[in-house]
Amino acid sequence: MAAKPLILCVEDDELYLSLRKGFLEQNGYNVIGVTMAADALKILQDTPVCAVIADHMLQGTIGTELAKQMKKIKPDVPVIVFSGATPTKLDGVDIYVNKNEPTTEFLRILREVVERYRS
């Protein structure tokens, strides 16, 4: 059996991070959750993640800015901005998913992104 895909989840609200992490783990993913963009960049540099899920409105930065920085480190790792606030630009972002999207649709998108990355 293949190892569970490793997802890096960036969310500055600890409650939402905990909920998202638990949800993803229940659906077959290993998850590293962080609340700070700087921690996310360090983990991305040192860890073989299959995808990043980042909130857009982060403390001290925005998801699209974080995505641009991440693409400089690992251009091939897909970055999903998952937010209720629609970004004005999607530089560095592979996919934007609105938080109001049904969870089944969110999981389908994530599965497709991870499968493309791993193949």
PDB file of N, CA and C in Angstrom:
ATOM      1  N   MET A   1       0.846  -1.193   0.000  1.00  0.00           N
ATOM      2  CA  MET A   1       0.000   0.000   0.000  1.00  0.00           C
ATOM      3  C   MET A   1       0.883   1.245   0.000  1.00  0.00           C
ATOM      4  N   ALA A   2       0.544   2.219  -0.817  1.00  0.00           N
ATOM      5  CA  ALA A   2       1.317   3.459  -0.895  1.00  0.00           C
ATOM      6  C   ALA A   2       1.156   4.259   0.390  1.00  0.00           C
ATOM      7  N   ALA A   3       2.187   5.002   0.712  1.00  0.00           N
ATOM      8  CA  ALA A   3       2.132   5.860   1.905  1.00  0.00           C
ATOM      9  C   ALA A   3       1.054   6.924   1.709  1.00  0.00           C
ATOM     10  N   LYS A   4       0.466   7.342   2.811  1.00  0.00           N
ATOM     11  CA  LYS A   4      -0.533   8.407   2.740  1.00  0.00           C
ATOM     12  C   LYS A   4       0.149   9.687   2.264  1.00  0.00           C
ATOM     13  N   PRO A   5      -0.499  10.438   1.380  1.00  0.00           N
ATOM     14  CA  PRO A   5       0.075  11.702   0.929  1.00  0.00           C
ATOM     15  C   PRO A   5       0.230  12.674   2.105  1.00  0.00           C
ATOM     16  N   LEU A   6       1.321  13.416   2.105  1.00  0.00           N
ATOM     17  CA  LEU A   6       1.583  14.393   3.160  1.00  0.00           C
ATOM     18  C   LEU A   6       1.178  15.777   2.680  1.00  0.00           C
ATOM     19  N   ILE A   7       0.286  16.407   3.431  1.00  0.00           N
ATOM     20  CA  ILE A   7      -0.243  17.728   3.104  1.00  0.00           C
ATOM     21  C   ILE A   7       0.251  18.729   4.146  1.00  0.00           C
ATOM     22  N   LEU A   8       0.673  19.895   3.694  1.00  0.00           N
ATOM     23  CA  LEU A   8       1.032  20.996   4.587  1.00  0.00           C
ATOM     24  C   LEU A   8      -0.159  21.948   4.617  1.00  0.00           C
ATOM     25  N   CYS A   9      -0.705  22.159   5.798  1.00  0.00           N
ATOM     26  CA  CYS A   9      -1.893  22.996   5.967  1.00  0.00           C
ATOM     27  C   CYS A   9      -1.512  24.249   6.755  1.00  0.00           C
ATOM     28  N   VAL A  10      -1.785  25.426   6.165  1.00  0.00           N
ATOM     29  CA  VAL A  10      -1.422  26.702   6.782  1.00  0.00           C
ATOM     30  C   VAL A  10      -2.702  27.470   7.092  1.00  0.00           C
ATOM     31  N   GLU A  11      -2.952  27.663   8.377  1.00  0.00           N
ATOM     32  CA  GLU A  11      -4.172  28.352   8.837  1.00  0.00           C
ATOM     33  C   GLU A  11      -3.837  29.012  10.164  1.00  0.00           C
ATOM     34  N   ASP A  12      -4.016  30.344  10.245  1.00  0.00           N
ATOM     35  CA  ASP A  12      -3.616  31.039  11.473  1.00  0.00           C
ATOM     36  C   ASP A  12      -4.631  30.934  12.607  1.00  0.00           C
ATOM     37  N   ASP A  13      -5.815  30.415  12.333  1.00  0.00           N
ATOM     38  CA  ASP A  13      -6.800  30.180  13.386  1.00  0.00           C
ATOM     39  C   ASP A  13      -6.633  28.728  13.855  1.00  0.00           C
ATOM     40  N   GLU A  14      -6.179  28.553  15.083  1.00  0.00           N
ATOM     41  CA  GLU A  14      -5.845  27.204  15.574  1.00  0.00           C
ATOM     42  C   GLU A  14      -7.038  26.257  15.579  1.00  0.00           C
ATOM     43  N   LEU A  15      -8.230  26.758  15.853  1.00  0.00           N
ATOM     44  CA  LEU A  15      -9.417  25.905  15.842  1.00  0.00           C
ATOM     45  C   LEU A  15      -9.685  25.387  14.427  1.00  0.00           C
ATOM     46  N   TYR A  16      -9.673  26.295  13.446  1.00  0.00           N
ATOM     47  CA  TYR A  16      -9.891  25.877  12.056  1.00  0.00           C
ATOM     48  C   TYR A  16      -8.785  24.940  11.591  1.00  0.00           C
ATOM     49  N   LEU A  17      -7.551  25.206  12.006  1.00  0.00           N
ATOM     50  CA  LEU A  17      -6.437  24.335  11.642  1.00  0.00           C
ATOM     51  C   LEU A  17      -6.654  22.931  12.194  1.00  0.00           C
ATOM     52  N   SER A  18      -7.060  22.841  13.444  1.00  0.00           N
ATOM     53  CA  SER A  18      -7.301  21.554  14.084  1.00  0.00           C
ATOM     54  C   SER A  18      -8.428  20.796  13.383  1.00  0.00           C
ATOM     55  N   LEU A  19      -9.512  21.498  13.052  1.00  0.00           N
ATOM     56  CA  LEU A  19     -10.648  20.876  12.373  1.00  0.00           C
ATOM     57  C   LEU A  19     -10.243  20.384  10.983  1.00  0.00           C
ATOM     58  N   ARG A  20      -9.525  21.229  10.222  1.00  0.00           N
ATOM     59  CA  ARG A  20      -9.121  20.858   8.870  1.00  0.00           C
ATOM     60  C   ARG A  20      -8.152  19.680   8.903  1.00  0.00           C
ATOM     61  N   LYS A  21      -7.219  19.716   9.852  1.00  0.00           N
ATOM     62  CA  LYS A  21      -6.237  18.641   9.989  1.00  0.00           C
ATOM     63  C   LYS A  21      -6.957  17.315  10.279  1.00  0.00           C
ATOM     64  N   GLY A  22      -7.882  17.331  11.228  1.00  0.00           N
ATOM     65  CA  GLY A  22      -8.639  16.127  11.574  1.00  0.00           C
ATOM     66  C   GLY A  22      -9.449  15.603  10.394  1.00  0.00           C
ATOM     67  N   PHE A  23     -10.088  16.507   9.678  1.00  0.00           N
ATOM     68  CA  PHE A  23     -10.893  16.135   8.515  1.00  0.00           C
ATOM     69  C   PHE A  23     -10.024  15.482   7.440  1.00  0.00           C
ATOM     70  N   LEU A  24      -8.881  16.083   7.156  1.00  0.00           N
ATOM     71  CA  LEU A  24      -7.988  15.528   6.133  1.00  0.00           C
ATOM     72  C   LEU A  24      -7.426  14.176   6.563  1.00  0.00           C
ATOM     73  N   GLU A  25      -7.077  14.043   7.835  1.00  0.00           N
ATOM     74  CA  GLU A  25      -6.546  12.769   8.334  1.00  0.00           C
ATOM     75  C   GLU A  25      -7.605  11.675   8.250  1.00  0.00           C
ATOM     76  N   GLN A  26      -8.867  12.012   8.543  1.00  0.00           N
ATOM     77  CA  GLN A  26      -9.953  11.036   8.433  1.00  0.00           C
ATOM     78  C   GLN A  26     -10.154  10.588   6.991  1.00  0.00           C
ATOM     79  N   ASN A  27      -9.710  11.423   6.051  1.00  0.00           N
ATOM     80  CA  ASN A  27      -9.901  11.125   4.633  1.00  0.00           C
ATOM     81  C   ASN A  27      -8.624  10.644   3.943  1.00  0.00           C
ATOM     82  N   GLY A  28      -7.684  10.112   4.741  1.00  0.00           N
ATOM     83  CA  GLY A  28      -6.553   9.406   4.166  1.00  0.00           C
ATOM     84  C   GLY A  28      -5.275  10.182   3.950  1.00  0.00           C
ATOM     85  N   TYR A  29      -5.150  11.339   4.579  1.00  0.00           N
ATOM     86  CA  TYR A  29      -3.942  12.139   4.404  1.00  0.00           C
ATOM     87  C   TYR A  29      -3.166  12.243   5.714  1.00  0.00           C
ATOM     88  N   ASN A  30      -1.846  12.356   5.594  1.00  0.00           N
ATOM     89  CA  ASN A  30      -1.024  12.787   6.721  1.00  0.00           C
ATOM     90  C   ASN A  30      -0.933  14.295   6.604  1.00  0.00           C
ATOM     91  N   VAL A  31      -1.003  15.000   7.727  1.00  0.00           N
ATOM     92  CA  VAL A  31      -1.075  16.454   7.685  1.00  0.00           C
ATOM     93  C   VAL A  31      -0.094  17.071   8.677  1.00  0.00           C
ATOM     94  N   ILE A  32       0.646  18.062   8.193  1.00  0.00           N
ATOM     95  CA  ILE A  32       1.429  18.925   9.073  1.00  0.00           C
ATOM     96  C   ILE A  32       0.696  20.253   9.092  1.00  0.00           C
ATOM     97  N   GLY A  33       0.276  20.683  10.261  1.00  0.00           N
ATOM     98  CA  GLY A  33      -0.459  21.930  10.373  1.00  0.00           C
ATOM     99  C   GLY A  33       0.390  23.003  11.041  1.00  0.00           C
ATOM    100  N   VAL A  34       0.391  24.200  10.460  1.00  0.00           N
ATOM    101  CA  VAL A  34       1.128  25.329  11.032  1.00  0.00           C
ATOM    102  C   VAL A  34       0.261  26.578  10.984  1.00  0.00           C
ATOM    103  N   THR A  35       0.542  27.490  11.914  1.00  0.00           N
ATOM    104  CA  THR A  35      -0.217  28.733  11.969  1.00  0.00           C
ATOM    105  C   THR A  35       0.568  29.932  11.429  1.00  0.00           C
ATOM    106  N   MET A  36       1.860  29.763  11.200  1.00  0.00           N
ATOM    107  CA  MET A  36       2.712  30.881  10.760  1.00  0.00           C
ATOM    108  C   MET A  36       3.301  30.602   9.377  1.00  0.00           C
ATOM    109  N   ALA A  37       3.306  31.624   8.527  1.00  0.00           N
ATOM    110  CA  ALA A  37       3.858  31.483   7.176  1.00  0.00           C
ATOM    111  C   ALA A  37       5.338  31.092   7.219  1.00  0.00           C
ATOM    112  N   ALA A  38       6.109  31.657   8.125  1.00  0.00           N
ATOM    113  CA  ALA A  38       7.539  31.345   8.227  1.00  0.00           C
ATOM    114  C   ALA A  38       7.754  29.861   8.526  1.00  0.00           C
ATOM    115  N   ASP A  39       6.920  29.301   9.399  1.00  0.00           N
ATOM    116  CA  ASP A  39       7.015  27.863   9.710  1.00  0.00           C
ATOM    117  C   ASP A  39       6.679  27.030   8.468  1.00  0.00           C
ATOM    118  N   ALA A  40       5.683  27.476   7.716  1.00  0.00           N
ATOM    119  CA  ALA A  40       5.281  26.759   6.508  1.00  0.00           C
ATOM    120  C   ALA A  40       6.427  26.719   5.496  1.00  0.00           C
ATOM    121  N   LEU A  41       7.127  27.829   5.331  1.00  0.00           N
ATOM    122  CA  LEU A  41       8.239  27.887   4.388  1.00  0.00           C
ATOM    123  C   LEU A  41       9.375  26.956   4.812  1.00  0.00           C
ATOM    124  N   LYS A  42       9.664  26.919   6.097  1.00  0.00           N
ATOM    125  CA  LYS A  42      10.728  26.046   6.620  1.00  0.00           C
ATOM    126  C   LYS A  42      10.354  24.577   6.405  1.00  0.00           C
ATOM    127  N   ILE A  43       9.121  24.222   6.725  1.00  0.00           N
ATOM    128  CA  ILE A  43       8.673  22.838   6.553  1.00  0.00           C
ATOM    129  C   ILE A  43       8.695  22.445   5.081  1.00  0.00           C
ATOM    130  N   LEU A  44       8.237  23.343   4.218  1.00  0.00           N
ATOM    131  CA  LEU A  44       8.237  23.053   2.787  1.00  0.00           C
ATOM    132  C   LEU A  44       9.654  22.757   2.300  1.00  0.00           C
ATOM    133  N   GLN A  45      10.601  23.507   2.793  1.00  0.00           N
ATOM    134  CA  GLN A  45      11.998  23.339   2.387  1.00  0.00           C
ATOM    135  C   GLN A  45      12.542  21.966   2.807  1.00  0.00           C
ATOM    136  N   ASP A  46      12.139  21.504   3.983  1.00  0.00           N
ATOM    137  CA  ASP A  46      12.744  20.314   4.584  1.00  0.00           C
ATOM    138  C   ASP A  46      11.917  19.038   4.479  1.00  0.00           C
ATOM    139  N   THR A  47      10.687  19.115   3.972  1.00  0.00           N
ATOM    140  CA  THR A  47       9.759  17.991   4.060  1.00  0.00           C
ATOM    141  C   THR A  47       9.151  17.677   2.693  1.00  0.00           C
ATOM    142  N   PRO A  48       9.011  16.389   2.359  1.00  0.00           N
ATOM    143  CA  PRO A  48       8.440  16.009   1.055  1.00  0.00           C
ATOM    144  C   PRO A  48       6.910  16.043   1.044  1.00  0.00           C
ATOM    145  N   VAL A  49       6.338  17.235   1.001  1.00  0.00           N
ATOM    146  CA  VAL A  49       4.876  17.350   0.973  1.00  0.00           C
ATOM    147  C   VAL A  49       4.375  17.211  -0.468  1.00  0.00           C
ATOM    148  N   CYS A  50       3.142  16.707  -0.605  1.00  0.00           N
ATOM    149  CA  CYS A  50       2.514  16.519  -1.919  1.00  0.00           C
ATOM    150  C   CYS A  50       1.685  17.719  -2.338  1.00  0.00           C
ATOM    151  N   ALA A  51       1.279  18.533  -1.360  1.00  0.00           N
ATOM    152  CA  ALA A  51       0.464  19.707  -1.653  1.00  0.00           C
ATOM    153  C   ALA A  51       0.434  20.602  -0.416  1.00  0.00           C
ATOM    154  N   VAL A  52       0.124  21.876  -0.665  1.00  0.00           N
ATOM    155  CA  VAL A  52      -0.051  22.856   0.409  1.00  0.00           C
ATOM    156  C   VAL A  52      -1.469  23.389   0.317  1.00  0.00           C
ATOM    157  N   ILE A  53      -2.137  23.459   1.473  1.00  0.00           N
ATOM    158  CA  ILE A  53      -3.445  24.114   1.558  1.00  0.00           C
ATOM    159  C   ILE A  53      -3.257  25.296   2.482  1.00  0.00           C
ATOM    160  N   ALA A  54      -3.455  26.504   1.952  1.00  0.00           N
ATOM    161  CA  ALA A  54      -3.230  27.707   2.748  1.00  0.00           C
ATOM    162  C   ALA A  54      -4.470  28.586   2.759  1.00  0.00           C
ATOM    163  N   ASP A  55      -4.756  29.145   3.919  1.00  0.00           N
ATOM    164  CA  ASP A  55      -5.796  30.159   4.014  1.00  0.00           C
ATOM    165  C   ASP A  55      -5.283  31.390   3.263  1.00  0.00           C
ATOM    166  N   HIS A  56      -6.178  32.245   2.819  1.00  0.00           N
ATOM    167  CA  HIS A  56      -5.736  33.450   2.115  1.00  0.00           C
ATOM    168  C   HIS A  56      -5.411  34.583   3.093  1.00  0.00           C
ATOM    169  N   MET A  57      -6.264  34.782   4.082  1.00  0.00           N
ATOM    170  CA  MET A  57      -6.080  35.878   5.029  1.00  0.00           C
ATOM    171  C   MET A  57      -5.297  35.374   6.234  1.00  0.00           C
ATOM    172  N   LEU A  58      -3.984  35.372   6.110  1.00  0.00           N
ATOM    173  CA  LEU A  58      -3.114  34.905   7.183  1.00  0.00           C
ATOM    174  C   LEU A  58      -2.568  36.096   7.961  1.00  0.00           C
ATOM    175  N   GLN A  59      -2.227  35.851   9.189  1.00  0.00           N
ATOM    176  CA  GLN A  59      -1.657  36.903  10.017  1.00  0.00           C
ATOM    177  C   GLN A  59      -0.292  37.298   9.455  1.00  0.00           C
ATOM    178  N   GLY A  60      -0.139  38.568   9.074  1.00  0.00           N
ATOM    179  CA  GLY A  60       1.144  39.053   8.593  1.00  0.00           C
ATOM    180  C   GLY A  60       1.379  38.883   7.106  1.00  0.00           C
ATOM    181  N   THR A  61       0.542  38.122   6.414  1.00  0.00           N
ATOM    182  CA  THR A  61       0.699  37.938   4.969  1.00  0.00           C
ATOM    183  C   THR A  61      -0.616  37.444   4.384  1.00  0.00           C
ATOM    184  N   ILE A  62      -0.605  37.209   3.087  1.00  0.00           N
ATOM    185  CA  ILE A  62      -1.782  36.626   2.435  1.00  0.00           C
ATOM    186  C   ILE A  62      -1.353  35.362   1.707  1.00  0.00           C
ATOM    187  N   GLY A  63      -2.322  34.490   1.449  1.00  0.00           N
ATOM    188  CA  GLY A  63      -2.038  33.195   0.851  1.00  0.00           C
ATOM    189  C   GLY A  63      -1.328  33.275  -0.489  1.00  0.00           C
ATOM    190  N   THR A  64      -1.689  34.271  -1.310  1.00  0.00           N
ATOM    191  CA  THR A  64      -1.041  34.378  -2.617  1.00  0.00           C
ATOM    192  C   THR A  64       0.427  34.788  -2.481  1.00  0.00           C
ATOM    193  N   GLU A  65       0.740  35.624  -1.522  1.00  0.00           N
ATOM    194  CA  GLU A  65       2.135  36.013  -1.280  1.00  0.00           C
ATOM    195  C   GLU A  65       2.919  34.800  -0.773  1.00  0.00           C
ATOM    196  N   LEU A  66       2.319  34.043   0.132  1.00  0.00           N
ATOM    197  CA  LEU A  66       2.954  32.820   0.641  1.00  0.00           C
ATOM    198  C   LEU A  66       3.175  31.834  -0.516  1.00  0.00           C
ATOM    199  N   ALA A  67       2.191  31.710  -1.394  1.00  0.00           N
ATOM    200  CA  ALA A  67       2.308  30.796  -2.533  1.00  0.00           C
ATOM    201  C   ALA A  67       3.494  31.186  -3.417  1.00  0.00           C
ATOM    202  N   LYS A  68       3.668  32.477  -3.677  1.00  0.00           N
ATOM    203  CA  LYS A  68       4.797  32.927  -4.499  1.00  0.00           C
ATOM    204  C   LYS A  68       6.128  32.547  -3.858  1.00  0.00           C
ATOM    205  N   GLN A  69       6.220  32.721  -2.535  1.00  0.00           N
ATOM    206  CA  GLN A  69       7.452  32.362  -1.820  1.00  0.00           C
ATOM    207  C   GLN A  69       7.674  30.850  -1.871  1.00  0.00           C
ATOM    208  N   MET A  70       6.591  30.082  -1.749  1.00  0.00           N
ATOM    209  CA  MET A  70       6.702  28.621  -1.788  1.00  0.00           C
ATOM    210  C   MET A  70       7.167  28.124  -3.154  1.00  0.00           C
ATOM    211  N   LYS A  71       6.688  28.751  -4.212  1.00  0.00           N
ATOM    212  CA  LYS A  71       7.059  28.342  -5.566  1.00  0.00           C
ATOM    213  C   LYS A  71       8.552  28.578  -5.821  1.00  0.00           C
ATOM    214  N   LYS A  72       9.161  29.527  -5.122  1.00  0.00           N
ATOM    215  CA  LYS A  72      10.607  29.750  -5.245  1.00  0.00           C
ATOM    216  C   LYS A  72      11.380  28.598  -4.606  1.00  0.00           C
ATOM    217  N   ILE A  73      10.793  27.971  -3.587  1.00  0.00           N
ATOM    218  CA  ILE A  73      11.443  26.859  -2.885  1.00  0.00           C
ATOM    219  C   ILE A  73      11.209  25.546  -3.633  1.00  0.00           C
ATOM    220  N   LYS A  74       9.944  25.254  -3.932  1.00  0.00           N
ATOM    221  CA  LYS A  74       9.579  24.002  -4.631  1.00  0.00           C
ATOM    222  C   LYS A  74       8.491  24.318  -5.665  1.00  0.00           C
ATOM    223  N   PRO A  75       8.909  24.685  -6.870  1.00  0.00           N
ATOM    224  CA  PRO A  75       7.935  25.102  -7.890  1.00  0.00           C
ATOM    225  C   PRO A  75       6.932  24.029  -8.297  1.00  0.00           C
ATOM    226  N   ASP A  76       7.284  22.759  -8.079  1.00  0.00           N
ATOM    227  CA  ASP A  76       6.398  21.677  -8.516  1.00  0.00           C
ATOM    228  C   ASP A  76       5.337  21.287  -7.490  1.00  0.00           C
ATOM    229  N   VAL A  77       5.455  21.751  -6.243  1.00  0.00           N
ATOM    230  CA  VAL A  77       4.468  21.395  -5.215  1.00  0.00           C
ATOM    231  C   VAL A  77       3.226  22.283  -5.389  1.00  0.00           C
ATOM    232  N   PRO A  78       2.056  21.666  -5.593  1.00  0.00           N
ATOM    233  CA  PRO A  78       0.838  22.449  -5.798  1.00  0.00           C
ATOM    234  C   PRO A  78       0.404  23.194  -4.532  1.00  0.00           C
ATOM    235  N   VAL A  79      -0.034  24.447  -4.744  1.00  0.00           N
ATOM    236  CA  VAL A  79      -0.523  25.278  -3.645  1.00  0.00           C
ATOM    237  C   VAL A  79      -1.996  25.577  -3.891  1.00  0.00           C
ATOM    238  N   ILE A  80      -2.807  25.181  -2.909  1.00  0.00           N
ATOM    239  CA  ILE A  80      -4.245  25.445  -2.949  1.00  0.00           C
ATOM    240  C   ILE A  80      -4.541  26.534  -1.937  1.00  0.00           C
ATOM    241  N   VAL A  81      -5.144  27.628  -2.379  1.00  0.00           N
ATOM    242  CA  VAL A  81      -5.617  28.644  -1.440  1.00  0.00           C
ATOM    243  C   VAL A  81      -7.070  28.298  -1.150  1.00  0.00           C
ATOM    244  N   PHE A  82      -7.343  28.073   0.140  1.00  0.00           N
ATOM    245  CA  PHE A  82      -8.658  27.655   0.613  1.00  0.00           C
ATOM    246  C   PHE A  82      -9.175  28.755   1.516  1.00  0.00           C
ATOM    247  N   SER A  83     -10.121  29.553   1.007  1.00  0.00           N
ATOM    248  CA  SER A  83     -10.507  30.746   1.750  1.00  0.00           C
ATOM    249  C   SER A  83     -11.905  31.206   1.386  1.00  0.00           C
ATOM    250  N   GLY A  84     -12.498  31.936   2.301  1.00  0.00           N
ATOM    251  CA  GLY A  84     -13.773  32.586   2.024  1.00  0.00           C
ATOM    252  C   GLY A  84     -13.563  33.910   1.313  1.00  0.00           C
ATOM    253  N   ALA A  85     -12.346  34.455   1.392  1.00  0.00           N
ATOM    254  CA  ALA A  85     -11.998  35.714   0.741  1.00  0.00           C
ATOM    255  C   ALA A  85     -11.336  35.403  -0.599  1.00  0.00           C
ATOM    256  N   THR A  86     -11.947  35.844  -1.682  1.00  0.00           N
ATOM    257  CA  THR A  86     -11.403  35.567  -3.007  1.00  0.00           C
ATOM    258  C   THR A  86     -10.208  36.467  -3.273  1.00  0.00           C
ATOM    259  N   PRO A  87      -9.039  35.887  -3.591  1.00  0.00           N
ATOM    260  CA  PRO A  87      -7.860  36.702  -3.901  1.00  0.00           C
ATOM    261  C   PRO A  87      -8.068  37.511  -5.179  1.00  0.00           C
ATOM    262  N   THR A  88      -7.473  38.697  -5.236  1.00  0.00           N
ATOM    263  CA  THR A  88      -7.575  39.509  -6.451  1.00  0.00           C
ATOM    264  C   THR A  88      -6.638  38.995  -7.530  1.00  0.00           C
ATOM    265  N   LYS A  89      -5.489  38.435  -7.123  1.00  0.00           N
ATOM    266  CA  LYS A  89      -4.541  37.816  -8.053  1.00  0.00           C
ATOM    267  C   LYS A  89      -4.266  36.409  -7.563  1.00  0.00           C
ATOM    268  N   LEU A  90      -3.926  35.534  -8.498  1.00  0.00           N
ATOM    269  CA  LEU A  90      -3.638  34.155  -8.111  1.00  0.00           C
ATOM    270  C   LEU A  90      -2.199  33.764  -8.461  1.00  0.00           C
ATOM    271  N   ASP A  91      -1.278  34.716  -8.386  1.00  0.00           N
ATOM    272  CA  ASP A  91       0.137  34.441  -8.658  1.00  0.00           C
ATOM    273  C   ASP A  91       0.635  33.349  -7.713  1.00  0.00           C
ATOM    274  N   GLY A  92       1.227  32.317  -8.268  1.00  0.00           N
ATOM    275  CA  GLY A  92       1.792  31.250  -7.449  1.00  0.00           C
ATOM    276  C   GLY A  92       0.785  30.226  -6.963  1.00  0.00           C
ATOM    277  N   VAL A  93      -0.496  30.515  -7.137  1.00  0.00           N
ATOM    278  CA  VAL A  93      -1.546  29.618  -6.653  1.00  0.00           C
ATOM    279  C   VAL A  93      -1.945  28.670  -7.786  1.00  0.00           C
ATOM    280  N   ASP A  94      -1.990  27.384  -7.489  1.00  0.00           N
ATOM    281  CA  ASP A  94      -2.417  26.418  -8.497  1.00  0.00           C
ATOM    282  C   ASP A  94      -3.936  26.360  -8.582  1.00  0.00           C
ATOM    283  N   ILE A  95      -4.590  26.394  -7.416  1.00  0.00           N
ATOM    284  CA  ILE A  95      -6.052  26.300  -7.373  1.00  0.00           C
ATOM    285  C   ILE A  95      -6.570  27.143  -6.211  1.00  0.00           C
ATOM    286  N   TYR A  96      -7.654  27.863  -6.466  1.00  0.00           N
ATOM    287  CA  TYR A  96      -8.374  28.561  -5.396  1.00  0.00           C
ATOM    288  C   TYR A  96      -9.655  27.781  -5.143  1.00  0.00           C
ATOM    289  N   VAL A  97      -9.926  27.471  -3.863  1.00  0.00           N
ATOM    290  CA  VAL A  97     -11.159  26.793  -3.476  1.00  0.00           C
ATOM    291  C   VAL A  97     -11.837  27.644  -2.406  1.00  0.00           C
ATOM    292  N   ASN A  98     -13.082  27.993  -2.654  1.00  0.00           N
ATOM    293  CA  ASN A  98     -13.848  28.765  -1.685  1.00  0.00           C
ATOM    294  C   ASN A  98     -14.229  27.873  -0.505  1.00  0.00           C
ATOM    295  N   LYS A  99     -14.164  28.418   0.709  1.00  0.00           N
ATOM    296  CA  LYS A  99     -14.494  27.637   1.911  1.00  0.00           C
ATOM    297  C   LYS A  99     -15.942  27.165   1.925  1.00  0.00           C
ATOM    298  N   ASN A 100     -16.796  27.784   1.112  1.00  0.00           N
ATOM    299  CA  ASN A 100     -18.206  27.357   1.050  1.00  0.00           C
ATOM    300  C   ASN A 100     -18.418  26.164   0.120  1.00  0.00           C
ATOM    301  N   GLU A 101     -17.368  25.745  -0.561  1.00  0.00           N
ATOM    302  CA  GLU A 101     -17.447  24.578  -1.453  1.00  0.00           C
ATOM    303  C   GLU A 101     -17.814  23.344  -0.614  1.00  0.00           C
ATOM    304  N   PRO A 102     -18.666  22.451  -1.133  1.00  0.00           N
ATOM    305  CA  PRO A 102     -18.976  21.224  -0.381  1.00  0.00           C
ATOM    306  C   PRO A 102     -17.697  20.421  -0.116  1.00  0.00           C
ATOM    307  N   THR A 103     -17.641  19.761   1.032  1.00  0.00           N
ATOM    308  CA  THR A 103     -16.432  19.014   1.402  1.00  0.00           C
ATOM    309  C   THR A 103     -16.120  17.912   0.387  1.00  0.00           C
ATOM    310  N   THR A 104     -17.145  17.322  -0.211  1.00  0.00           N
ATOM    311  CA  THR A 104     -16.893  16.280  -1.214  1.00  0.00           C
ATOM    312  C   THR A 104     -16.150  16.859  -2.420  1.00  0.00           C
ATOM    313  N   GLU A 105     -16.518  18.062  -2.821  1.00  0.00           N
ATOM    314  CA  GLU A 105     -15.859  18.722  -3.949  1.00  0.00           C
ATOM    315  C   GLU A 105     -14.423  19.106  -3.567  1.00  0.00           C
ATOM    316  N   PHE A 106     -14.239  19.612  -2.370  1.00  0.00           N
ATOM    317  CA  PHE A 106     -12.897  19.958  -1.887  1.00  0.00           C
ATOM    318  C   PHE A 106     -11.995  18.722  -1.897  1.00  0.00           C
ATOM    319  N   LEU A 107     -12.489  17.595  -1.400  1.00  0.00           N
ATOM    320  CA  LEU A 107     -11.704  16.359  -1.381  1.00  0.00           C
ATOM    321  C   LEU A 107     -11.389  15.869  -2.795  1.00  0.00           C
ATOM    322  N   ARG A 108     -12.340  16.009  -3.709  1.00  0.00           N
ATOM    323  CA  ARG A 108     -12.108  15.608  -5.100  1.00  0.00           C
ATOM    324  C   ARG A 108     -10.970  16.437  -5.708  1.00  0.00           C
ATOM    325  N   ILE A 109     -11.019  17.744  -5.496  1.00  0.00           N
ATOM    326  CA  ILE A 109      -9.981  18.643  -6.015  1.00  0.00           C
ATOM    327  C   ILE A 109      -8.628  18.273  -5.412  1.00  0.00           C
ATOM    328  N   LEU A 110      -8.579  18.084  -4.109  1.00  0.00           N
ATOM    329  CA  LEU A 110      -7.322  17.741  -3.444  1.00  0.00           C
ATOM    330  C   LEU A 110      -6.782  16.416  -3.968  1.00  0.00           C
ATOM    331  N   ARG A 111      -7.638  15.433  -4.099  1.00  0.00           N
ATOM    332  CA  ARG A 111      -7.209  14.118  -4.594  1.00  0.00           C
ATOM    333  C   ARG A 111      -6.595  14.249  -5.994  1.00  0.00           C
ATOM    334  N   GLU A 112      -7.249  15.016  -6.876  1.00  0.00           N
ATOM    335  CA  GLU A 112      -6.732  15.210  -8.237  1.00  0.00           C
ATOM    336  C   GLU A 112      -5.376  15.916  -8.227  1.00  0.00           C
ATOM    337  N   VAL A 113      -5.248  16.933  -7.397  1.00  0.00           N
ATOM    338  CA  VAL A 113      -3.993  17.686  -7.306  1.00  0.00           C
ATOM    339  C   VAL A 113      -2.865  16.772  -6.816  1.00  0.00           C
ATOM    340  N   VAL A 114      -3.136  15.996  -5.791  1.00  0.00           N
ATOM    341  CA  VAL A 114      -2.117  15.090  -5.224  1.00  0.00           C
ATOM    342  C   VAL A 114      -1.742  14.010  -6.240  1.00  0.00           C
ATOM    343  N   GLU A 115      -2.743  13.450  -6.938  1.00  0.00           N
ATOM    344  CA  GLU A 115      -2.460  12.402  -7.932  1.00  0.00           C
ATOM    345  C   GLU A 115      -1.602  12.941  -9.063  1.00  0.00           C
ATOM    346  N   ARG A 116      -1.889  14.157  -9.521  1.00  0.00           N
ATOM    347  CA  ARG A 116      -1.071  14.773 -10.586  1.00  0.00           C
ATOM    348  C   ARG A 116       0.355  14.981 -10.099  1.00  0.00           C
ATOM    349  N   TYR A 117       0.495  15.440  -8.853  1.00  0.00           N
ATOM    350  CA  TYR A 117       1.832  15.689  -8.300  1.00  0.00           C
ATOM    351  C   TYR A 117       2.627  14.402  -8.183  1.00  0.00           C
ATOM    352  N   ARG A 118       1.977  13.333  -7.737  1.00  0.00           N
ATOM    353  CA  ARG A 118       2.680  12.077  -7.477  1.00  0.00           C
ATOM    354  C   ARG A 118       3.001  11.293  -8.751  1.00  0.00           C
ATOM    355  N   SER A 119       2.308  11.603  -9.850  1.00  0.00           N
ATOM    356  CA  SER A 119       2.560  10.829 -11.085  1.00  0.00           C
ATOM    357  C   SER A 119       3.644  11.435 -11.952  1.00  0.00           C
TER     358      SER A 119
END
